[in-house]
Protein backbone atom coordinates (compact mmCIF):
# COMPACT_ATOMS: atom_id res chain seq x y z
CA MET A 1 12.73 -6.83 14.29
CA ILE A 2 14.73 -3.62 13.70
CA PHE A 3 15.54 -4.53 10.08
CA GLU A 4 11.91 -5.43 9.41
CA MET A 5 10.87 -2.07 10.83
CA LEU A 6 13.40 -0.21 8.69
CA MET A 7 12.26 -2.05 5.57
CA LEU A 8 8.61 -1.22 6.27
CA ILE A 9 9.41 2.41 7.06
CA CYS A 10 11.40 2.80 3.84
CA PHE A 11 8.74 1.13 1.70
CA GLY A 12 6.00 2.96 3.57
CA ALA A 13 7.58 6.38 3.01
CA ALA A 14 6.75 6.18 -0.69
CA TRP A 15 3.05 5.36 -0.38
CA PRO A 16 1.75 8.74 0.83
CA PHE A 17 3.46 10.40 -2.16
CA SER A 18 1.93 7.84 -4.52
CA VAL A 19 -1.52 8.38 -3.03
CA TYR A 20 -1.12 12.16 -3.24
CA LYS A 21 -0.06 11.95 -6.89
CA SER A 22 -3.00 9.68 -7.73
CA TYR A 23 -5.40 12.04 -5.98
CA LYS A 24 -4.08 15.27 -7.51
CA THR A 25 -3.45 14.13 -11.09
CA LYS A 26 -6.53 11.91 -11.37
CA SER A 27 -4.43 9.77 -13.69
CA ILE A 28 -3.49 6.10 -13.83
CA LYS A 29 -0.42 6.77 -15.95
CA GLY A 30 2.58 4.93 -14.58
CA LYS A 31 0.46 2.80 -12.25
CA SER A 32 0.21 -0.98 -12.39
CA ILE A 33 -2.88 -2.33 -10.68
CA ILE A 34 -1.37 -5.83 -10.63
CA PHE A 35 1.67 -4.45 -8.80
CA LEU A 36 -0.57 -2.68 -6.29
CA TYR A 37 -2.55 -5.86 -5.63
CA VAL A 38 0.62 -7.95 -5.22
CA ILE A 39 2.06 -5.45 -2.73
CA PHE A 40 -1.26 -5.30 -0.87
CA LEU A 41 -1.36 -9.10 -0.67
CA GLY A 42 2.20 -9.08 0.71
CA TYR A 43 1.25 -6.63 3.45
CA ILE A 44 -1.83 -8.73 4.32
CA ALA A 45 0.42 -11.79 4.59
CA GLY A 46 2.70 -9.84 6.94
CA ILE A 47 -0.28 -8.83 9.08
CA LEU A 48 -1.51 -12.42 9.26
CA HIS A 49 1.95 -13.67 10.20
CA LYS A 50 2.23 -11.09 12.96
CA THR A 51 -1.28 -11.91 14.17
CA PHE A 52 -0.92 -15.69 14.33
CA TYR A 53 2.79 -16.39 14.83
CA HIS A 54 4.87 -13.47 16.03
CA PHE A 55 2.79 -10.57 17.32
CA ASP A 56 4.72 -7.37 17.96
CA LEU A 57 4.35 -3.66 17.31
CA VAL A 58 5.67 -3.98 13.75
CA ILE A 59 2.13 -5.06 12.84
CA TYR A 60 1.14 -1.38 12.92
CA LEU A 61 3.61 -0.60 10.14
CA TYR A 62 2.12 -3.41 8.07
CA ILE A 63 -1.37 -2.05 8.74
CA PHE A 64 -0.40 1.53 7.87
CA ASN A 65 1.34 0.48 4.66
CA SER A 66 -1.51 -1.79 3.61
CA LEU A 67 -4.02 1.02 4.16
CA MET A 68 -1.93 3.36 2.00
CA VAL A 69 -1.79 0.76 -0.78
CA LEU A 70 -5.53 0.14 -0.43
CA VAL A 71 -6.22 3.86 -0.84
CA ASP A 72 -3.98 3.90 -3.92
CA ILE A 73 -5.91 0.90 -5.33
CA LEU A 74 -9.22 2.65 -4.74
CA LEU A 75 -7.93 5.85 -6.36
CA TYR A 76 -6.68 3.83 -9.33
CA HIS A 77 -10.15 2.41 -9.93
CA LYS A 78 -11.79 5.81 -9.40
CA ASN A 79 -9.39 7.53 -11.79
CA LYS A 80 -9.75 4.78 -14.38
CA ARG A 81 -13.53 5.22 -14.23
CA LEU A 82 -13.10 8.99 -14.72
CA ILE A 83 -10.90 8.45 -17.77
CA THR A 84 -13.19 5.93 -19.46
CA SER A 85 -16.43 7.83 -18.88
């Protein structure tokens, strides 16, 4: 469990910066929506695994990280709409 927590903390540390950059720059440059969806799907799989097979407090890291990725996905679509309009 400790290594899973460390992995999620390390991965999760980057998401607030990515969200902030997306929000401030209003740009999609350097972003891959496919990558964001794949990562989001991975976090959802982790949440489902924790829910059905091995529930522990690590689920909250999965939830936090997935919410950060979801916000980045939403900002991507918003910023793309701003660019194309």
